[in-house]
Amino acid sequence: MQKKKLEILITNDDGYHSKGFKTAVEIFSKYGNVTAIAPRDSQSGKSASLTMDVPLWLKKIHEKTASNGNSIRIYSFTGAPVDCIKMAMNKFFDIKHLPDLLISGINHGSNASVAAVYSGTLGATKEGTIYGIPSIGLSINTHKVNANFAPVKKYIDVILKNFFACPPVPGTYLNINFPDIPVGKIKGIKFAESGNGMWLDELNSYKTPQGKEYFWTSGEFHDKDISKAGDHAIVEAGYIAITPHKVNNTDYEEIKRLLSKWKF
């Protein structure tokens, strides 16, 4: 019996024009048929936001067959990353015919530590997990437009082999962050917890020529991770960090503690 081809859904939050998105399409078209829907414009920092107040527009960028026979279809969409997943699930797939894999990325910039809270890349990954799609968010620790994705190309095969042999439990997705260093200097792959940190001085104040004040988002990362066990510290140390995230973020231990203290 002929082996069924994998159906792979790809999105990101940097936009369909980004090198990371194009690299993801190139990499994963080797493993199966690719349907790629990414925002028309950059949607970084949009987390799991939805577009509900304006019409959304889907545009086919191109459709072709790769040299290995796998199909590739690429679309841009005017919504946020989560909108892209909903579009894919309404137009190309459905709850009875899920993709075999969702890849969100490859993001330009780390999504380790608190960045995961704001990340449109991981917002899309979470949305895929809600649908029941095995989902991975991929990021590299640089915002360079022409980032070098050689580390992803080298290590993705072993990551996928393990992912399909032992996938995360339902309701869990993987947040994988790569260091921005030459392939030969990567020390290996580690599972890591989410790092403890926060952003400070996030809004810079400026004046227009007319003297009117406006603000521009910037900020400085404040590392609160004393143990250095967080994913951002693991990446800085030269390792690829894999952090499982759950859609259900209920703190069950805290429910027990509060129930024992609160009086109703």
C-alpha atoms as a PDB file:
ATOM      1  CA  MET A   1       0.000   0.000   0.000  1.00  0.00           C
ATOM      2  CA  GLN A   2       1.304   3.431  -0.936  1.00  0.00           C
ATOM      3  CA  LYS A   3       2.177   5.563   2.070  1.00  0.00           C
ATOM      4  CA  LYS A   4      -0.079   8.596   2.517  1.00  0.00           C
ATOM      5  CA  LYS A   5       1.644  11.915   2.016  1.00  0.00           C
ATOM      6  CA  LEU A   6       1.788  14.267   4.952  1.00  0.00           C
ATOM      7  CA  GLU A   7      -0.408  17.353   4.717  1.00  0.00           C
ATOM      8  CA  ILE A   8       1.490  20.261   6.262  1.00  0.00           C
ATOM      9  CA  LEU A   9       0.047  23.674   7.118  1.00  0.00           C
ATOM     10  CA  ILE A  10       2.485  26.582   7.472  1.00  0.00           C
ATOM     11  CA  THR A  11       1.944  30.118   8.739  1.00  0.00           C
ATOM     12  CA  ASN A  12       3.923  32.809  10.579  1.00  0.00           C
ATOM     13  CA  ASP A  13       3.588  36.334  11.953  1.00  0.00           C
ATOM     14  CA  ASP A  14       6.317  38.118   9.972  1.00  0.00           C
ATOM     15  CA  GLY A  15       4.369  38.004   6.709  1.00  0.00           C
ATOM     16  CA  TYR A  16       4.460  35.784   3.634  1.00  0.00           C
ATOM     17  CA  HIS A  17       7.348  37.810   2.192  1.00  0.00           C
ATOM     18  CA  SER A  18       9.751  37.012   5.078  1.00  0.00           C
ATOM     19  CA  LYS A  19      12.775  34.796   4.581  1.00  0.00           C
ATOM     20  CA  GLY A  20      11.756  32.646   7.544  1.00  0.00           C
ATOM     21  CA  PHE A  21       8.392  31.813   5.998  1.00  0.00           C
ATOM     22  CA  LYS A  22       9.927  31.051   2.599  1.00  0.00           C
ATOM     23  CA  THR A  23      12.559  28.865   4.274  1.00  0.00           C
ATOM     24  CA  ALA A  24       9.865  26.945   6.159  1.00  0.00           C
ATOM     25  CA  VAL A  25       8.037  26.240   2.891  1.00  0.00           C
ATOM     26  CA  GLU A  26      11.317  25.071   1.333  1.00  0.00           C
ATOM     27  CA  ILE A  27      12.176  22.802   4.263  1.00  0.00           C
ATOM     28  CA  PHE A  28       8.805  21.185   4.841  1.00  0.00           C
ATOM     29  CA  SER A  29       7.910  20.623   1.194  1.00  0.00           C
ATOM     30  CA  LYS A  30      10.471  17.815   1.446  1.00  0.00           C
ATOM     31  CA  TYR A  31       8.215  16.013   3.920  1.00  0.00           C
ATOM     32  CA  GLY A  32       4.785  16.377   2.311  1.00  0.00           C
ATOM     33  CA  ASN A  33       2.233  18.592   0.598  1.00  0.00           C
ATOM     34  CA  VAL A  34       2.368  22.167   1.855  1.00  0.00           C
ATOM     35  CA  THR A  35      -0.476  24.621   2.283  1.00  0.00           C
ATOM     36  CA  ALA A  36       1.034  27.920   3.416  1.00  0.00           C
ATOM     37  CA  ILE A  37      -1.106  30.872   4.503  1.00  0.00           C
ATOM     38  CA  ALA A  38       0.654  33.818   6.094  1.00  0.00           C
ATOM     39  CA  PRO A  39      -0.289  37.410   6.884  1.00  0.00           C
ATOM     40  CA  ARG A  40       0.018  39.886   4.038  1.00  0.00           C
ATOM     41  CA  ASP A  41       1.832  42.282   6.387  1.00  0.00           C
ATOM     42  CA  SER A  42       3.864  41.812   9.543  1.00  0.00           C
ATOM     43  CA  GLN A  43       1.699  40.775  12.496  1.00  0.00           C
ATOM     44  CA  SER A  44       4.427  40.376  15.121  1.00  0.00           C
ATOM     45  CA  GLY A  45       3.249  40.675  18.701  1.00  0.00           C
ATOM     46  CA  LYS A  46      -0.392  39.958  17.849  1.00  0.00           C
ATOM     47  CA  SER A  47      -0.540  36.862  20.077  1.00  0.00           C
ATOM     48  CA  ALA A  48      -3.902  35.125  19.538  1.00  0.00           C
ATOM     49  CA  SER A  49      -5.732  38.212  18.281  1.00  0.00           C
ATOM     50  CA  LEU A  50      -8.596  37.959  15.791  1.00  0.00           C
ATOM     51  CA  THR A  51      -9.648  40.409  13.089  1.00  0.00           C
ATOM     52  CA  MET A  52     -13.359  41.022  13.501  1.00  0.00           C
ATOM     53  CA  ASP A  53     -13.989  44.595  12.356  1.00  0.00           C
ATOM     54  CA  VAL A  54     -12.902  44.616   8.704  1.00  0.00           C
ATOM     55  CA  PRO A  55     -13.245  42.262   5.711  1.00  0.00           C
ATOM     56  CA  LEU A  56     -10.438  39.744   5.214  1.00  0.00           C
ATOM     57  CA  TRP A  57      -8.850  39.052   1.843  1.00  0.00           C
ATOM     58  CA  LEU A  58      -7.157  35.864   0.665  1.00  0.00           C
ATOM     59  CA  LYS A  59      -4.752  36.044  -2.273  1.00  0.00           C
ATOM     60  CA  LYS A  60      -3.028  33.147  -4.025  1.00  0.00           C
ATOM     61  CA  ILE A  61       0.688  33.870  -4.375  1.00  0.00           C
ATOM     62  CA  HIS A  62       1.513  30.734  -6.312  1.00  0.00           C
ATOM     63  CA  GLU A  63       0.818  27.030  -6.600  1.00  0.00           C
ATOM     64  CA  LYS A  64       3.267  24.477  -7.950  1.00  0.00           C
ATOM     65  CA  THR A  65       4.530  20.932  -7.712  1.00  0.00           C
ATOM     66  CA  ALA A  66       7.976  20.444  -6.187  1.00  0.00           C
ATOM     67  CA  SER A  67      10.586  18.267  -7.882  1.00  0.00           C
ATOM     68  CA  ASN A  68       9.752  15.448  -5.432  1.00  0.00           C
ATOM     69  CA  GLY A  69       6.090  15.506  -6.470  1.00  0.00           C
ATOM     70  CA  ASN A  70       4.769  17.270  -3.365  1.00  0.00           C
ATOM     71  CA  SER A  71       2.338  20.116  -3.932  1.00  0.00           C
ATOM     72  CA  ILE A  72       2.994  23.648  -2.664  1.00  0.00           C
ATOM     73  CA  ARG A  73       0.295  26.305  -2.472  1.00  0.00           C
ATOM     74  CA  ILE A  74       1.038  29.686  -0.937  1.00  0.00           C
ATOM     75  CA  TYR A  75      -1.465  32.378   0.040  1.00  0.00           C
ATOM     76  CA  SER A  76      -1.348  35.759   1.726  1.00  0.00           C
ATOM     77  CA  PHE A  77      -4.155  36.811   4.049  1.00  0.00           C
ATOM     78  CA  THR A  78      -4.981  40.227   5.442  1.00  0.00           C
ATOM     79  CA  GLY A  79      -5.640  38.900   8.948  1.00  0.00           C
ATOM     80  CA  ALA A  80      -3.508  37.980  11.942  1.00  0.00           C
ATOM     81  CA  PRO A  81      -1.787  34.584  12.341  1.00  0.00           C
ATOM     82  CA  VAL A  82      -4.785  33.040  14.125  1.00  0.00           C
ATOM     83  CA  ASP A  83      -6.998  34.300  11.281  1.00  0.00           C
ATOM     84  CA  CYS A  84      -4.704  32.427   8.889  1.00  0.00           C
ATOM     85  CA  ILE A  85      -5.300  29.153  10.736  1.00  0.00           C
ATOM     86  CA  LYS A  86      -9.051  29.716  10.760  1.00  0.00           C
ATOM     87  CA  MET A  87      -8.930  30.485   7.040  1.00  0.00           C
ATOM     88  CA  ALA A  88      -7.041  27.258   6.355  1.00  0.00           C
ATOM     89  CA  MET A  89      -9.490  25.229   8.425  1.00  0.00           C
ATOM     90  CA  ASN A  90     -12.497  26.756   6.672  1.00  0.00           C
ATOM     91  CA  LYS A  91     -11.231  26.649   3.092  1.00  0.00           C
ATOM     92  CA  PHE A  92      -8.675  23.835   2.779  1.00  0.00           C
ATOM     93  CA  PHE A  93      -9.211  21.524   5.749  1.00  0.00           C
ATOM     94  CA  ASP A  94     -11.893  20.771   8.325  1.00  0.00           C
ATOM     95  CA  ILE A  95     -12.257  19.119  11.698  1.00  0.00           C
ATOM     96  CA  LYS A  96     -12.602  15.682  10.057  1.00  0.00           C
ATOM     97  CA  HIS A  97      -9.644  16.235   7.694  1.00  0.00           C
ATOM     98  CA  LEU A  98      -6.908  17.888   9.729  1.00  0.00           C
ATOM     99  CA  PRO A  99      -3.385  18.659   8.547  1.00  0.00           C
ATOM    100  CA  ASP A 100      -0.841  16.168   9.851  1.00  0.00           C
ATOM    101  CA  LEU A 101       1.391  18.995  11.054  1.00  0.00           C
ATOM    102  CA  LEU A 102       1.238  22.739  11.653  1.00  0.00           C
ATOM    103  CA  ILE A 103       4.442  24.750  11.476  1.00  0.00           C
ATOM    104  CA  SER A 104       4.355  28.390  12.561  1.00  0.00           C
ATOM    105  CA  GLY A 105       7.495  30.304  11.617  1.00  0.00           C
ATOM    106  CA  ILE A 106      10.327  30.372  11.114  1.00  0.00           C
ATOM    107  CA  ASN A 107      10.081  33.513  13.211  1.00  0.00           C
ATOM    108  CA  HIS A 108      12.707  36.234  12.989  1.00  0.00           C
ATOM    109  CA  GLY A 109      13.401  36.786  16.691  1.00  0.00           C
ATOM    110  CA  SER A 110      13.295  34.671  19.823  1.00  0.00           C
ATOM    111  CA  ASN A 111       9.969  33.532  21.239  1.00  0.00           C
ATOM    112  CA  ALA A 112      11.538  32.292  24.454  1.00  0.00           C
ATOM    113  CA  SER A 113      10.621  33.453  27.947  1.00  0.00           C
ATOM    114  CA  VAL A 114       7.919  36.136  28.164  1.00  0.00           C
ATOM    115  CA  ALA A 115       8.047  36.735  24.402  1.00  0.00           C
ATOM    116  CA  ALA A 116       5.849  33.649  24.110  1.00  0.00           C
ATOM    117  CA  VAL A 117       2.985  35.608  25.693  1.00  0.00           C
ATOM    118  CA  TYR A 118       2.954  38.205  22.915  1.00  0.00           C
ATOM    119  CA  SER A 119       3.999  36.034  19.988  1.00  0.00           C
ATOM    120  CA  GLY A 120       1.771  35.816  16.924  1.00  0.00           C
ATOM    121  CA  THR A 121       3.850  32.808  15.898  1.00  0.00           C
ATOM    122  CA  LEU A 122       2.781  30.948  19.031  1.00  0.00           C
ATOM    123  CA  GLY A 123      -0.754  32.341  18.860  1.00  0.00           C
ATOM    124  CA  ALA A 124      -1.129  30.455  15.578  1.00  0.00           C
ATOM    125  CA  THR A 125       0.499  27.362  17.071  1.00  0.00           C
ATOM    126  CA  LYS A 126      -1.939  27.429  19.967  1.00  0.00           C
ATOM    127  CA  GLU A 127      -4.855  27.839  17.550  1.00  0.00           C
ATOM    128  CA  GLY A 128      -3.726  24.784  15.594  1.00  0.00           C
ATOM    129  CA  THR A 129      -3.537  22.814  18.831  1.00  0.00           C
ATOM    130  CA  ILE A 130      -7.098  23.829  19.707  1.00  0.00           C
ATOM    131  CA  TYR A 131      -8.218  22.270  16.424  1.00  0.00           C
ATOM    132  CA  GLY A 132      -6.266  19.105  17.276  1.00  0.00           C
ATOM    133  CA  ILE A 133      -3.411  19.611  14.805  1.00  0.00           C
ATOM    134  CA  PRO A 134       0.067  18.520  15.991  1.00  0.00           C
ATOM    135  CA  SER A 135       1.750  21.932  16.129  1.00  0.00           C
ATOM    136  CA  ILE A 136       5.250  23.404  16.370  1.00  0.00           C
ATOM    137  CA  GLY A 137       6.388  27.020  16.604  1.00  0.00           C
ATOM    138  CA  LEU A 138       9.879  27.677  15.229  1.00  0.00           C
ATOM    139  CA  SER A 139      11.964  30.774  15.960  1.00  0.00           C
ATOM    140  CA  ILE A 140      15.570  31.886  15.645  1.00  0.00           C
ATOM    141  CA  ASN A 141      17.258  34.361  17.966  1.00  0.00           C
ATOM    142  CA  THR A 142      17.808  37.205  15.506  1.00  0.00           C
ATOM    143  CA  HIS A 143      15.671  39.876  13.883  1.00  0.00           C
ATOM    144  CA  LYS A 144      17.935  40.130  10.846  1.00  0.00           C
ATOM    145  CA  VAL A 145      15.926  40.208   7.625  1.00  0.00           C
ATOM    146  CA  ASN A 146      18.514  37.942   5.983  1.00  0.00           C
ATOM    147  CA  ALA A 147      18.843  35.556   8.940  1.00  0.00           C
ATOM    148  CA  ASN A 148      20.856  32.356   8.519  1.00  0.00           C
ATOM    149  CA  PHE A 149      18.461  29.423   8.967  1.00  0.00           C
ATOM    150  CA  ALA A 150      21.121  26.730   8.552  1.00  0.00           C
ATOM    151  CA  PRO A 151      20.637  25.545  12.173  1.00  0.00           C
ATOM    152  CA  VAL A 152      16.960  24.832  11.485  1.00  0.00           C
ATOM    153  CA  LYS A 153      17.760  22.997   8.250  1.00  0.00           C
ATOM    154  CA  LYS A 154      20.331  20.805   9.994  1.00  0.00           C
ATOM    155  CA  TYR A 155      18.350  19.824  13.081  1.00  0.00           C
ATOM    156  CA  ILE A 156      14.737  19.746  11.901  1.00  0.00           C
ATOM    157  CA  ASP A 157      14.943  16.180  10.633  1.00  0.00           C
ATOM    158  CA  VAL A 158      15.859  14.685  14.012  1.00  0.00           C
ATOM    159  CA  ILE A 159      13.272  16.900  15.703  1.00  0.00           C
ATOM    160  CA  LEU A 160      10.505  15.731  13.356  1.00  0.00           C
ATOM    161  CA  LYS A 161      11.474  12.050  13.695  1.00  0.00           C
ATOM    162  CA  ASN A 162      11.097  12.332  17.448  1.00  0.00           C
ATOM    163  CA  PHE A 163       7.961  14.462  17.155  1.00  0.00           C
ATOM    164  CA  PHE A 164       6.104  11.881  15.064  1.00  0.00           C
ATOM    165  CA  ALA A 165       7.465   8.899  17.020  1.00  0.00           C
ATOM    166  CA  CYS A 166       6.423  10.476  20.337  1.00  0.00           C
ATOM    167  CA  PRO A 167       4.124  13.471  19.776  1.00  0.00           C
ATOM    168  CA  PRO A 168       3.038  15.833  22.534  1.00  0.00           C
ATOM    169  CA  VAL A 169      -0.167  14.902  24.338  1.00  0.00           C
ATOM    170  CA  PRO A 170      -3.380  16.538  23.061  1.00  0.00           C
ATOM    171  CA  GLY A 171      -3.613  20.170  24.087  1.00  0.00           C
ATOM    172  CA  THR A 172       0.177  20.653  24.074  1.00  0.00           C
ATOM    173  CA  TYR A 173       2.357  22.258  21.405  1.00  0.00           C
ATOM    174  CA  LEU A 174       6.089  22.834  21.091  1.00  0.00           C
ATOM    175  CA  ASN A 175       7.867  26.179  21.200  1.00  0.00           C
ATOM    176  CA  ILE A 176      11.312  25.618  19.639  1.00  0.00           C
ATOM    177  CA  ASN A 177      13.937  28.358  19.683  1.00  0.00           C
ATOM    178  CA  PHE A 178      17.240  28.198  17.797  1.00  0.00           C
ATOM    179  CA  PRO A 179      20.380  30.176  18.636  1.00  0.00           C
ATOM    180  CA  ASP A 180      21.729  32.547  16.000  1.00  0.00           C
ATOM    181  CA  ILE A 181      25.170  30.964  15.761  1.00  0.00           C
ATOM    182  CA  PRO A 182      26.995  28.896  13.129  1.00  0.00           C
ATOM    183  CA  VAL A 183      25.757  25.305  12.906  1.00  0.00           C
ATOM    184  CA  GLY A 184      29.094  23.921  14.053  1.00  0.00           C
ATOM    185  CA  LYS A 185      28.880  25.855  17.325  1.00  0.00           C
ATOM    186  CA  ILE A 186      25.461  24.552  18.371  1.00  0.00           C
ATOM    187  CA  LYS A 187      25.955  22.366  21.449  1.00  0.00           C
ATOM    188  CA  GLY A 188      22.829  20.257  21.058  1.00  0.00           C
ATOM    189  CA  ILE A 189      19.113  20.175  21.862  1.00  0.00           C
ATOM    190  CA  LYS A 190      17.603  20.579  25.333  1.00  0.00           C
ATOM    191  CA  PHE A 191      14.108  20.571  26.770  1.00  0.00           C
ATOM    192  CA  ALA A 192      13.617  23.720  28.810  1.00  0.00           C
ATOM    193  CA  GLU A 193      11.065  25.508  30.935  1.00  0.00           C
ATOM    194  CA  SER A 194       9.716  28.921  29.977  1.00  0.00           C
ATOM    195  CA  GLY A 195      12.174  31.557  31.122  1.00  0.00           C
ATOM    196  CA  ASN A 196      11.356  34.075  33.808  1.00  0.00           C
ATOM    197  CA  GLY A 197      11.676  37.632  32.583  1.00  0.00           C
ATOM    198  CA  MET A 198       9.839  40.811  31.660  1.00  0.00           C
ATOM    199  CA  TRP A 199      10.169  43.888  29.480  1.00  0.00           C
ATOM    200  CA  LEU A 200      10.881  47.303  31.042  1.00  0.00           C
ATOM    201  CA  ASP A 201      10.893  50.856  29.655  1.00  0.00           C
ATOM    202  CA  GLU A 202       8.706  49.671  26.812  1.00  0.00           C
ATOM    203  CA  LEU A 203       7.410  52.962  25.437  1.00  0.00           C
ATOM    204  CA  ASN A 204       9.806  55.668  24.299  1.00  0.00           C
ATOM    205  CA  SER A 205       8.471  59.226  24.171  1.00  0.00           C
ATOM    206  CA  TYR A 206       9.130  61.546  21.210  1.00  0.00           C
ATOM    207  CA  LYS A 207       7.912  64.927  19.961  1.00  0.00           C
ATOM    208  CA  THR A 208       6.638  65.893  16.542  1.00  0.00           C
ATOM    209  CA  PRO A 209       8.032  69.099  14.970  1.00  0.00           C
ATOM    210  CA  GLN A 210       4.844  70.712  16.267  1.00  0.00           C
ATOM    211  CA  GLY A 211       5.655  69.606  19.816  1.00  0.00           C
ATOM    212  CA  LYS A 212       2.995  66.901  20.108  1.00  0.00           C
ATOM    213  CA  GLU A 213       4.073  63.869  22.110  1.00  0.00           C
ATOM    214  CA  TYR A 214       3.915  60.352  20.635  1.00  0.00           C
ATOM    215  CA  PHE A 215       5.241  56.966  21.686  1.00  0.00           C
ATOM    216  CA  TRP A 216       7.159  54.125  20.031  1.00  0.00           C
ATOM    217  CA  THR A 217       7.321  50.599  21.433  1.00  0.00           C
ATOM    218  CA  SER A 218      10.821  49.460  22.330  1.00  0.00           C
ATOM    219  CA  GLY A 219      11.976  48.216  25.722  1.00  0.00           C
ATOM    220  CA  GLU A 220      14.715  46.278  27.457  1.00  0.00           C
ATOM    221  CA  PHE A 221      14.487  42.669  28.589  1.00  0.00           C
ATOM    222  CA  HIS A 222      14.927  42.160  32.323  1.00  0.00           C
ATOM    223  CA  ASP A 223      16.118  38.625  33.082  1.00  0.00           C
ATOM    224  CA  LYS A 224      14.651  37.270  36.330  1.00  0.00           C
ATOM    225  CA  ASP A 225      15.848  33.694  35.743  1.00  0.00           C
ATOM    226  CA  ILE A 226      18.384  33.068  38.516  1.00  0.00           C
ATOM    227  CA  SER A 227      18.620  29.331  37.824  1.00  0.00           C
ATOM    228  CA  LYS A 228      19.483  29.825  34.122  1.00  0.00           C
ATOM    229  CA  ALA A 229      17.178  26.899  33.338  1.00  0.00           C
ATOM    230  CA  GLY A 230      14.804  28.997  31.229  1.00  0.00           C
ATOM    231  CA  ASP A 231      14.554  28.569  27.481  1.00  0.00           C
ATOM    232  CA  HIS A 232      16.073  31.992  26.750  1.00  0.00           C
ATOM    233  CA  ALA A 233      19.141  31.118  28.867  1.00  0.00           C
ATOM    234  CA  ILE A 234      19.445  27.726  27.155  1.00  0.00           C
ATOM    235  CA  VAL A 235      19.445  29.427  23.733  1.00  0.00           C
ATOM    236  CA  GLU A 236      22.010  32.002  24.859  1.00  0.00           C
ATOM    237  CA  ALA A 237      24.219  29.121  26.010  1.00  0.00           C
ATOM    238  CA  GLY A 238      24.255  27.727  22.459  1.00  0.00           C
ATOM    239  CA  TYR A 239      21.545  25.060  22.601  1.00  0.00           C
ATOM    240  CA  ILE A 240      18.279  24.586  20.743  1.00  0.00           C
ATOM    241  CA  ALA A 241      15.528  24.932  23.355  1.00  0.00           C
ATOM    242  CA  ILE A 242      12.283  22.926  23.149  1.00  0.00           C
ATOM    243  CA  THR A 243       9.528  24.032  25.509  1.00  0.00           C
ATOM    244  CA  PRO A 244       6.144  22.280  25.628  1.00  0.00           C
ATOM    245  CA  HIS A 245       3.254  24.737  26.112  1.00  0.00           C
ATOM    246  CA  LYS A 246      -0.325  23.882  27.055  1.00  0.00           C
ATOM    247  CA  VAL A 247      -3.486  25.471  25.700  1.00  0.00           C
ATOM    248  CA  ASN A 248      -5.155  24.916  29.074  1.00  0.00           C
ATOM    249  CA  ASN A 249      -3.205  27.157  31.438  1.00  0.00           C
ATOM    250  CA  THR A 250      -5.330  26.453  34.513  1.00  0.00           C
ATOM    251  CA  ASP A 251      -3.237  26.348  37.684  1.00  0.00           C
ATOM    252  CA  TYR A 252      -4.763  23.295  39.355  1.00  0.00           C
ATOM    253  CA  GLU A 253      -2.521  23.477  42.408  1.00  0.00           C
ATOM    254  CA  GLU A 254      -3.576  27.068  42.960  1.00  0.00           C
ATOM    255  CA  ILE A 255      -7.231  26.047  42.788  1.00  0.00           C
ATOM    256  CA  LYS A 256      -6.568  23.582  45.616  1.00  0.00           C
ATOM    257  CA  ARG A 257      -4.696  26.192  47.673  1.00  0.00           C
ATOM    258  CA  LEU A 258      -7.335  28.886  47.254  1.00  0.00           C
ATOM    259  CA  LEU A 259     -10.150  26.454  48.014  1.00  0.00           C
ATOM    260  CA  SER A 260      -8.423  25.654  51.300  1.00  0.00           C
ATOM    261  CA  LYS A 261      -8.120  29.364  52.248  1.00  0.00           C
ATOM    262  CA  TRP A 262     -11.084  31.212  50.770  1.00  0.00           C
ATOM    263  CA  LYS A 263     -14.360  31.225  52.649  1.00  0.00           C
ATOM    264  CA  PHE A 264     -17.643  31.398  50.756  1.00  0.00           C
END
